[in-house]
Amino acid sequence: MQSLTLTLYPTSVSPSRLKLYPLRQTLPSVLSPPTVGNNRRGMASRGDSASFKSLATHQTSTSGDDGDGYCTLVDFAGREGANVGDDLVVLLYHLQHACKRIASLVSSPYNSSLGKLSVNSSSTGSDRDAPKPLDIVSNGIILSSLRNSGKVAVMASEEDDTPTWIKDDGPYVVVVDPLDGSRNIDASIPTGTIFGVYNRLVELDHLPVAEKAELNSLQRGNRLVASGYVLYSSATILCVTLGSGAHAFTLDHSTGEFVLTHQNIKIPTRGQIYSVNDARYFDWPEGLRKYIDTVRQGKGQNPKKYSARYICSLVADLHRTLLYGGVAMNPRDHLRLVYEGNPLAYLVEQAGGKASDGKREILSIQPVKLHQRLPLFLGSVEDVTELESYGDVQQTVNPGYEV
C-alpha cells in the first residue's frame, strides 16, 4: 500500500510559480539580477498584509522605498551594499523560491504520507536517517532552482553521495540539507531546510570535475559568505546571514513574499533553556551529566533553574534558542559538519552566539569528508562556554541505537 501511495503522489511538487507564489510585477526576470531601488508601489495585494507591514515596520525604519516599512528578502539583500553583490541576490531569489515550493509540499495533505516511506539509497547514515521521498523531492526542487539561477558552480547535498557540478563559471558553491527532520513529518513536527553559500575556489578550476566539486564543498565554515535555514512550522520563516548580522523573514502567503520581521537578531548572552534528548542521559559522559544536573537545579553560573525544551527538530530547536537564548545540542557524532554544523554555526555567531563541538569552534574545523559527523552545541555565549568548562561533554558511546 505504501508503494501505491507513492505512485499516487501528486504533481504539486512542481507548482506553477506564478500561480502559487505571485511575484511582484516590478521584479525583474529571473535570468537577470534584481536591481536596488525598484519602485514597488504597484503591488496591489500589499494593502491586504497590514499585519506583516506593521510587524516589519517595528523591526526596521529604513526599509522600503515608499517608506511603508515593508521589506522583502530581495529588497534587503539589495540594500546590503558592498557586502552582497548582484550574483548573490539572484542566488537568494532562486533559493527562497525553492523553499516556498517546499513549504507548500510539506503542508499538503496529499503528501503527508510520503514522510513515512523510505527509499533505497547508498547514502551514508542509519535507517532512521535513510532518505524519504520528501527528502528526495525537496532535494530536486533546490537543485532545479540553483540550476536556473545560473550562479552556482556546485551543489553538495546531504541526500547525495557526491556533489553535483552545475556550471563551470558559477561564482558560488551551495551546501544544503534539503529537509531536516522529515522522518517526523507525519506527526506535523516542524521541519526545515539548512543551507550555506561559499565562493567558488577558482584556483581549483584546472582539476577534474569530480575532484574540484568535492574540494569546493569541503571548505571551512569560516569561509562562508551566507548561510541560513528555513523553518516550516505554523509560519514559514527564513533566517539568514549575509555576513553582517542575522535576520529573519516570514512568508506572507497573501503576496508570496518573505517579509523582514526580525532584523539584526541578537541571541541573549545567557538563556535559561537547554535543548537535548534527555532520554539518553545514561549514555552521556560524566561532564555532560554534571552540567545538566547543575543548571536544572539552578546551581550553575546562572542561579536560575533551567528548563528543558526539546522538539527533536534541529531547525526548530535552534530557532527558539536564537530568540530566547540557552543552548541546543546533540552531544553524539550525529550531525553533519558540511550540511548542518557549518551553516548553523556561522548564523549563530553572526547573531552573537557560540558554536562548538564541545572542544573546538565549529567554524575552525577543516572538513575531510562530505558526510563527516560531529557533536554540536549551539547557543548563548555564556551557556556554551560554561558547558565546555565541564570538559567531557561529547558522547562517544551509543548503546541501543545507531549513530
Protein backbone atom coordinates (compact mmCIF):
# COMPACT_ATOMS: atom_id res chain seq x y z
CA MET A 1 0.00 0.00 0.00
CA GLN A 2 2.91 2.31 0.64
CA SER A 3 4.12 1.85 -2.92
CA LEU A 4 0.61 2.72 -4.10
CA THR A 5 0.70 5.93 -2.08
CA LEU A 6 3.97 6.85 -3.73
CA THR A 7 2.54 6.09 -7.14
CA LEU A 8 -0.32 8.47 -6.48
CA TYR A 9 1.99 11.27 -5.41
CA PRO A 10 0.52 14.41 -6.99
CA THR A 11 2.25 16.82 -9.28
CA SER A 12 2.16 19.69 -6.79
CA VAL A 13 5.89 19.18 -6.41
CA SER A 14 6.29 21.35 -9.47
CA PRO A 15 3.66 24.03 -8.96
CA SER A 16 3.19 26.95 -11.25
CA ARG A 17 5.42 29.54 -9.65
CA LEU A 18 3.31 32.47 -10.72
CA LYS A 19 0.09 30.81 -9.56
CA LEU A 20 1.19 29.70 -6.10
CA TYR A 21 3.70 32.40 -5.32
CA PRO A 22 2.76 35.59 -7.18
CA LEU A 23 5.77 37.74 -7.91
CA ARG A 24 5.54 41.49 -7.83
CA GLN A 25 5.34 42.98 -11.30
CA THR A 26 8.35 45.12 -10.63
CA LEU A 27 10.66 42.19 -10.01
CA PRO A 28 12.97 41.61 -12.97
CA SER A 29 13.30 38.42 -14.91
CA VAL A 30 14.83 35.52 -13.03
CA LEU A 31 17.50 35.45 -15.65
CA SER A 32 18.88 38.82 -14.65
CA PRO A 33 19.86 40.13 -11.23
CA PRO A 34 17.34 42.25 -9.35
CA THR A 35 18.36 45.85 -9.04
CA VAL A 36 18.31 48.06 -5.98
CA GLY A 37 15.68 50.78 -5.80
CA ASN A 38 12.87 49.33 -7.92
CA ASN A 39 9.56 51.13 -7.45
CA ARG A 40 7.29 48.79 -5.53
CA ARG A 41 4.08 50.81 -5.32
CA GLY A 42 2.37 48.71 -7.95
CA MET A 43 1.76 45.62 -5.78
CA ALA A 44 -1.97 45.87 -5.18
CA SER A 45 -2.11 42.97 -2.72
CA ARG A 46 0.29 44.65 -0.31
CA GLY A 47 -2.50 46.61 1.30
CA ASP A 48 -4.06 43.32 2.44
CA SER A 49 -0.97 42.48 4.50
CA ALA A 50 -1.36 45.00 7.29
CA SER A 51 -0.21 42.60 10.00
CA PHE A 52 3.07 41.87 8.26
CA LYS A 53 3.61 45.50 7.37
CA SER A 54 3.03 46.57 10.95
CA LEU A 55 5.44 43.99 12.30
CA ALA A 56 8.09 44.78 9.70
CA THR A 57 7.75 48.50 10.43
CA HIS A 58 8.61 47.92 14.07
CA GLN A 59 11.70 45.98 13.05
CA THR A 60 13.16 48.38 10.51
CA SER A 61 12.65 52.06 9.89
CA THR A 62 14.76 52.35 6.78
CA SER A 63 13.41 49.60 4.53
CA GLY A 64 11.06 50.09 1.61
CA ASP A 65 11.46 52.78 -1.00
CA ASP A 66 7.99 54.13 -0.28
CA GLY A 67 8.56 54.38 3.45
CA ASP A 68 5.89 51.88 4.48
CA GLY A 69 8.35 49.58 6.27
CA TYR A 70 7.56 46.61 4.02
CA CYS A 71 10.88 44.95 3.17
CA THR A 72 11.29 41.64 1.37
CA LEU A 73 14.29 39.36 1.36
CA VAL A 74 15.35 40.53 -2.09
CA ASP A 75 14.86 44.18 -1.08
CA PHE A 76 17.00 43.64 2.00
CA ALA A 77 19.77 41.79 0.18
CA GLY A 78 19.92 44.54 -2.43
CA ARG A 79 20.44 47.12 0.33
CA GLU A 80 23.37 45.32 1.89
CA GLY A 81 25.63 47.22 -0.50
CA ALA A 82 29.23 46.08 -0.78
CA ASN A 83 28.54 43.01 1.34
CA VAL A 84 26.20 41.48 -1.23
CA GLY A 85 26.76 41.57 -4.97
CA ASP A 86 24.11 41.14 -7.64
CA ASP A 87 25.08 37.49 -8.16
CA LEU A 88 24.30 36.63 -4.55
CA VAL A 89 20.98 38.49 -4.71
CA VAL A 90 19.98 36.41 -7.73
CA LEU A 91 21.04 33.21 -5.95
CA LEU A 92 18.99 34.12 -2.85
CA TYR A 93 15.98 34.92 -5.03
CA HIS A 94 16.03 31.43 -6.54
CA LEU A 95 16.81 29.71 -3.26
CA GLN A 96 13.89 31.35 -1.46
CA HIS A 97 11.62 30.38 -4.33
CA ALA A 98 12.66 26.74 -3.85
CA CYS A 99 11.86 26.99 -0.15
CA LYS A 100 8.38 28.38 -0.92
CA ARG A 101 7.76 25.30 -3.03
CA ILE A 102 8.98 23.02 -0.24
CA ALA A 103 6.75 24.84 2.26
CA SER A 104 3.79 24.09 0.01
CA LEU A 105 4.92 20.49 -0.37
CA VAL A 106 5.27 19.67 3.33
CA SER A 107 1.94 21.27 4.22
CA SER A 108 -0.01 19.45 1.54
CA PRO A 109 -2.42 16.78 2.87
CA TYR A 110 -1.71 14.69 -0.24
CA ASN A 111 1.98 14.44 0.56
CA SER A 112 1.99 13.78 4.32
CA SER A 113 2.10 10.01 3.94
CA LEU A 114 5.33 10.23 1.95
CA GLY A 115 7.19 11.21 5.10
CA LYS A 116 6.65 7.69 6.43
CA LEU A 117 8.29 5.93 3.50
CA SER A 118 11.93 5.19 2.85
CA VAL A 119 13.72 4.81 -0.44
CA ASN A 120 16.70 2.72 -1.34
CA SER A 121 19.89 4.75 -1.20
CA SER A 122 23.61 4.15 -0.74
CA SER A 123 23.85 7.43 1.17
CA THR A 124 25.65 7.15 4.48
CA GLY A 125 23.58 7.01 7.65
CA SER A 126 21.36 4.81 9.78
CA ASP A 127 17.94 3.53 8.83
CA ARG A 128 16.42 6.30 10.95
CA ASP A 129 18.13 8.82 8.70
CA ALA A 130 17.53 6.98 5.42
CA PRO A 131 16.24 9.37 2.76
CA LYS A 132 12.46 9.67 2.45
CA PRO A 133 10.59 10.59 -0.73
CA LEU A 134 10.03 14.09 0.66
CA ASP A 135 13.79 14.48 1.13
CA ILE A 136 14.45 13.42 -2.43
CA VAL A 137 11.76 15.65 -3.90
CA SER A 138 12.96 18.63 -1.83
CA ASN A 139 16.49 17.96 -2.98
CA GLY A 140 15.35 18.05 -6.61
CA ILE A 141 13.45 21.30 -6.08
CA ILE A 142 16.53 23.03 -4.70
CA LEU A 143 18.83 21.64 -7.39
CA SER A 144 16.45 22.85 -10.11
CA SER A 145 16.29 26.35 -8.62
CA LEU A 146 20.06 26.57 -8.29
CA ARG A 147 20.47 25.48 -11.91
CA ASN A 148 18.01 28.15 -13.01
CA SER A 149 19.87 30.85 -11.10
CA GLY A 150 22.96 30.46 -13.28
CA LYS A 151 25.05 31.48 -10.27
CA VAL A 152 26.05 28.12 -8.77
CA ALA A 153 29.04 26.01 -9.74
CA VAL A 154 28.35 23.05 -7.47
CA MET A 155 25.71 21.87 -5.03
CA ALA A 156 26.56 19.42 -2.26
CA SER A 157 23.55 17.88 -0.53
CA GLU A 158 23.09 15.65 2.48
CA GLU A 159 20.91 13.48 0.24
CA ASP A 160 23.65 12.82 -2.32
CA ASP A 161 26.81 10.76 -2.02
CA THR A 162 28.78 13.19 -4.18
CA PRO A 163 28.38 16.87 -5.12
CA THR A 164 26.61 17.88 -8.31
CA TRP A 165 28.59 20.06 -10.69
CA ILE A 166 26.26 22.61 -12.27
CA LYS A 167 28.14 25.32 -14.13
CA ASP A 168 31.84 25.94 -14.76
CA ASP A 169 31.71 29.69 -14.24
CA GLY A 170 29.14 29.76 -11.44
CA PRO A 171 30.56 32.04 -8.73
CA TYR A 172 29.11 30.13 -5.75
CA VAL A 173 29.12 26.76 -4.03
CA VAL A 174 25.98 25.74 -2.13
CA VAL A 175 25.79 23.09 0.60
CA VAL A 176 22.34 22.05 1.76
CA ASP A 177 20.26 19.79 3.96
CA PRO A 178 17.05 19.94 1.89
CA LEU A 179 14.56 18.76 4.53
CA ASP A 180 15.87 18.29 8.05
CA GLY A 181 13.56 16.35 10.38
CA SER A 182 11.47 14.76 7.63
CA ARG A 183 11.15 11.46 9.46
CA ASN A 184 8.72 13.14 11.89
CA ILE A 185 6.68 14.97 9.28
CA ASP A 186 3.71 12.59 9.59
CA ALA A 187 3.30 13.90 13.16
CA SER A 188 3.31 17.53 11.94
CA ILE A 189 6.54 18.26 13.79
CA PRO A 190 8.32 21.31 12.31
CA THR A 191 10.90 20.65 9.63
CA GLY A 192 13.48 22.85 7.95
CA THR A 193 15.95 23.49 5.16
CA ILE A 194 19.56 24.38 6.01
CA PHE A 195 21.92 26.00 3.51
CA GLY A 196 25.37 27.54 3.22
CA VAL A 197 26.99 29.53 0.40
CA TYR A 198 30.72 29.73 -0.39
CA ASN A 199 32.65 31.41 -3.15
CA ARG A 200 33.90 29.03 -5.83
CA LEU A 201 37.62 28.36 -5.46
CA VAL A 202 38.89 29.49 -8.84
CA GLU A 203 42.33 28.06 -8.10
CA LEU A 204 40.79 24.59 -8.44
CA ASP A 205 39.29 25.18 -11.89
CA HIS A 206 42.00 23.16 -13.63
CA LEU A 207 41.13 19.97 -11.71
CA PRO A 208 38.82 17.19 -12.94
CA VAL A 209 35.14 17.91 -12.28
CA ALA A 210 34.64 15.34 -9.53
CA GLU A 211 37.73 16.47 -7.65
CA LYS A 212 37.07 20.19 -7.80
CA ALA A 213 33.42 19.64 -6.91
CA GLU A 214 34.37 17.83 -3.71
CA LEU A 215 37.18 20.19 -2.70
CA ASN A 216 34.96 23.23 -3.25
CA SER A 217 32.37 21.64 -0.97
CA LEU A 218 34.89 20.89 1.79
CA GLN A 219 35.71 24.48 2.66
CA ARG A 220 35.94 25.55 6.28
CA GLY A 221 32.91 27.21 7.75
CA ASN A 222 34.80 30.44 8.32
CA ARG A 223 34.85 30.91 4.52
CA LEU A 224 31.06 31.06 4.22
CA VAL A 225 29.60 34.18 2.62
CA ALA A 226 26.00 33.40 3.55
CA SER A 227 24.05 30.75 5.41
CA GLY A 228 20.69 30.17 6.97
CA TYR A 229 17.68 27.97 7.47
CA VAL A 230 14.03 27.92 6.61
CA LEU A 231 11.63 26.75 9.33
CA TYR A 232 8.42 25.10 8.12
CA SER A 233 6.03 25.39 11.05
CA SER A 234 2.95 27.44 11.99
CA ALA A 235 4.76 30.12 9.99
CA THR A 236 7.42 29.69 7.33
CA ILE A 237 10.47 31.66 8.46
CA LEU A 238 13.70 32.16 6.55
CA CYS A 239 16.59 33.16 8.82
CA VAL A 240 19.76 34.21 7.03
CA THR A 241 23.09 35.89 7.46
CA LEU A 242 24.87 37.61 4.59
CA GLY A 243 27.95 38.25 6.71
CA SER A 244 26.63 41.22 8.67
CA GLY A 245 24.21 40.01 11.31
CA ALA A 246 21.32 37.54 11.35
CA HIS A 247 17.87 38.44 10.04
CA ALA A 248 14.57 36.58 9.79
CA PHE A 249 11.87 36.88 7.12
CA THR A 250 8.36 35.46 7.46
CA LEU A 251 6.45 34.20 4.43
CA ASP A 252 3.39 36.35 3.73
CA HIS A 253 1.06 33.94 1.96
CA SER A 254 -1.07 36.78 0.58
CA THR A 255 1.80 38.01 -1.57
CA GLY A 256 4.21 35.07 -1.70
CA GLU A 257 6.99 37.26 -0.28
CA PHE A 258 9.39 36.65 2.58
CA VAL A 259 8.96 39.83 4.66
CA LEU A 260 11.52 41.14 7.15
CA THR A 261 10.13 40.57 10.67
CA HIS A 262 13.27 40.14 12.82
CA GLN A 263 16.13 42.45 11.90
CA ASN A 264 19.58 42.03 13.40
CA ILE A 265 18.76 39.16 15.74
CA LYS A 266 20.91 39.08 18.87
CA ILE A 267 20.84 35.90 20.89
CA PRO A 268 20.88 36.65 24.64
CA THR A 269 24.33 36.19 26.18
CA ARG A 270 22.72 33.70 28.57
CA GLY A 271 19.41 31.91 28.50
CA GLN A 272 17.50 29.59 30.80
CA ILE A 273 16.70 26.72 28.44
CA TYR A 274 18.63 23.65 27.35
CA SER A 275 17.55 21.50 24.41
CA VAL A 276 18.73 17.89 24.26
CA ASN A 277 17.31 14.36 24.22
CA ASP A 278 17.23 13.65 27.96
CA ALA A 279 16.30 10.03 27.31
CA ARG A 280 19.98 9.40 26.54
CA TYR A 281 21.11 10.74 29.93
CA PHE A 282 22.75 7.47 30.98
CA ASP A 283 24.66 7.30 27.69
CA TRP A 284 26.22 10.69 28.32
CA PRO A 285 29.75 11.26 29.63
CA GLU A 286 30.13 12.43 33.21
CA GLY A 287 30.84 16.05 32.28
CA LEU A 288 27.61 16.47 30.33
CA ARG A 289 25.51 14.77 33.01
CA LYS A 290 27.05 17.02 35.64
CA TYR A 291 26.37 20.16 33.57
CA ILE A 292 22.69 19.27 33.03
CA ASP A 293 22.22 18.31 36.70
CA THR A 294 23.81 21.58 37.77
CA VAL A 295 21.88 24.02 35.58
CA ARG A 296 18.48 22.48 36.10
CA GLN A 297 18.96 22.78 39.83
CA GLY A 298 19.94 26.43 39.50
CA LYS A 299 23.45 25.75 40.83
CA GLY A 300 25.40 26.84 37.77
CA GLN A 301 26.78 30.25 36.88
CA ASN A 302 23.18 31.34 36.37
CA PRO A 303 21.33 30.95 39.70
CA LYS A 304 18.02 30.35 37.93
CA LYS A 305 16.82 26.81 37.29
CA TYR A 306 16.95 25.84 33.63
CA SER A 307 14.03 24.32 31.74
CA ALA A 308 14.18 21.64 29.07
CA ARG A 309 12.62 22.28 25.67
CA TYR A 310 13.22 19.64 23.01
CA ILE A 311 11.35 19.34 19.71
CA CYS A 312 13.71 16.84 18.04
CA SER A 313 13.88 19.11 15.01
CA LEU A 314 17.24 20.84 14.70
CA VAL A 315 15.95 23.92 12.90
CA ALA A 316 13.03 24.40 15.29
CA ASP A 317 15.17 23.91 18.41
CA LEU A 318 17.78 26.34 17.11
CA HIS A 319 15.18 28.96 16.12
CA ARG A 320 13.82 29.03 19.65
CA THR A 321 17.36 29.20 21.03
CA LEU A 322 18.21 32.17 18.81
CA LEU A 323 15.23 34.09 20.12
CA TYR A 324 15.27 33.11 23.79
CA GLY A 325 18.86 32.07 24.49
CA GLY A 326 20.21 28.94 26.12
CA VAL A 327 21.85 26.01 24.37
CA ALA A 328 20.65 23.50 21.76
CA MET A 329 22.78 20.40 21.47
CA ASN A 330 23.31 16.93 20.13
CA PRO A 331 26.28 15.51 22.06
CA ARG A 332 26.88 12.47 19.87
CA ASP A 333 28.60 12.21 16.49
CA HIS A 334 25.39 12.59 14.55
CA LEU A 335 25.05 15.94 12.79
CA ARG A 336 26.93 16.61 9.59
CA LEU A 337 29.61 19.27 9.64
CA VAL A 338 29.26 20.33 5.99
CA TYR A 339 25.47 20.49 5.67
CA GLU A 340 24.32 21.35 9.21
CA GLY A 341 27.20 22.26 11.53
CA ASN A 342 28.95 24.93 9.48
CA PRO A 343 25.89 26.80 8.11
CA LEU A 344 24.19 26.94 11.51
CA ALA A 345 27.40 27.82 13.35
CA TYR A 346 28.01 30.75 11.01
CA LEU A 347 24.47 32.01 11.55
CA VAL A 348 24.70 31.64 15.33
CA GLU A 349 28.00 33.52 15.50
CA GLN A 350 26.56 36.30 13.35
CA ALA A 351 23.77 36.56 15.92
CA GLY A 352 26.34 36.94 18.70
CA GLY A 353 26.23 33.34 19.87
CA LYS A 354 28.72 30.48 20.04
CA ALA A 355 29.02 27.17 18.18
CA SER A 356 31.20 24.31 19.42
CA ASP A 357 31.69 20.56 19.17
CA GLY A 358 32.37 20.58 22.91
CA LYS A 359 36.07 21.26 22.46
CA ARG A 360 36.59 23.37 19.33
CA GLU A 361 34.83 26.14 17.48
CA ILE A 362 32.83 24.60 14.65
CA LEU A 363 33.99 27.14 12.05
CA SER A 364 37.66 26.31 12.71
CA ILE A 365 37.26 22.62 11.81
CA GLN A 366 38.53 21.56 8.40
CA PRO A 367 36.10 19.06 6.85
CA VAL A 368 37.79 15.96 5.45
CA LYS A 369 34.68 14.08 4.29
CA LEU A 370 31.43 15.30 2.79
CA HIS A 371 29.31 13.41 5.32
CA GLN A 372 31.61 13.94 8.29
CA ARG A 373 29.67 13.89 11.57
CA LEU A 374 30.30 15.56 14.89
CA PRO A 375 28.63 16.67 18.16
CA LEU A 376 27.06 20.12 18.02
CA PHE A 377 26.44 22.69 20.75
CA LEU A 378 24.83 25.97 19.65
CA GLY A 379 23.55 28.90 21.65
CA SER A 380 24.29 31.74 24.03
CA VAL A 381 27.96 32.55 24.51
CA GLU A 382 27.94 32.18 28.28
CA ASP A 383 25.90 28.97 28.23
CA VAL A 384 28.10 27.21 25.66
CA THR A 385 31.27 28.42 27.39
CA GLU A 386 30.02 27.13 30.74
CA LEU A 387 29.12 23.78 29.19
CA GLU A 388 32.61 23.44 27.64
CA SER A 389 34.17 24.07 31.07
CA TYR A 390 32.86 20.70 32.23
CA GLY A 391 35.34 19.06 29.87
CA ASP A 392 33.88 15.69 28.99
CA VAL A 393 30.66 16.59 27.13
CA GLN A 394 30.95 14.62 23.88
CA GLN A 395 29.00 11.37 23.85
CA THR A 396 31.24 8.63 22.48
CA VAL A 397 29.07 5.58 23.09
CA ASN A 398 25.63 4.90 21.63
CA PRO A 399 24.18 1.74 23.25
CA GLY A 400 20.76 0.78 21.98
CA TYR A 401 20.61 3.00 18.91
CA GLU A 402 22.65 3.77 15.84
CA VAL A 403 24.74 6.83 15.12
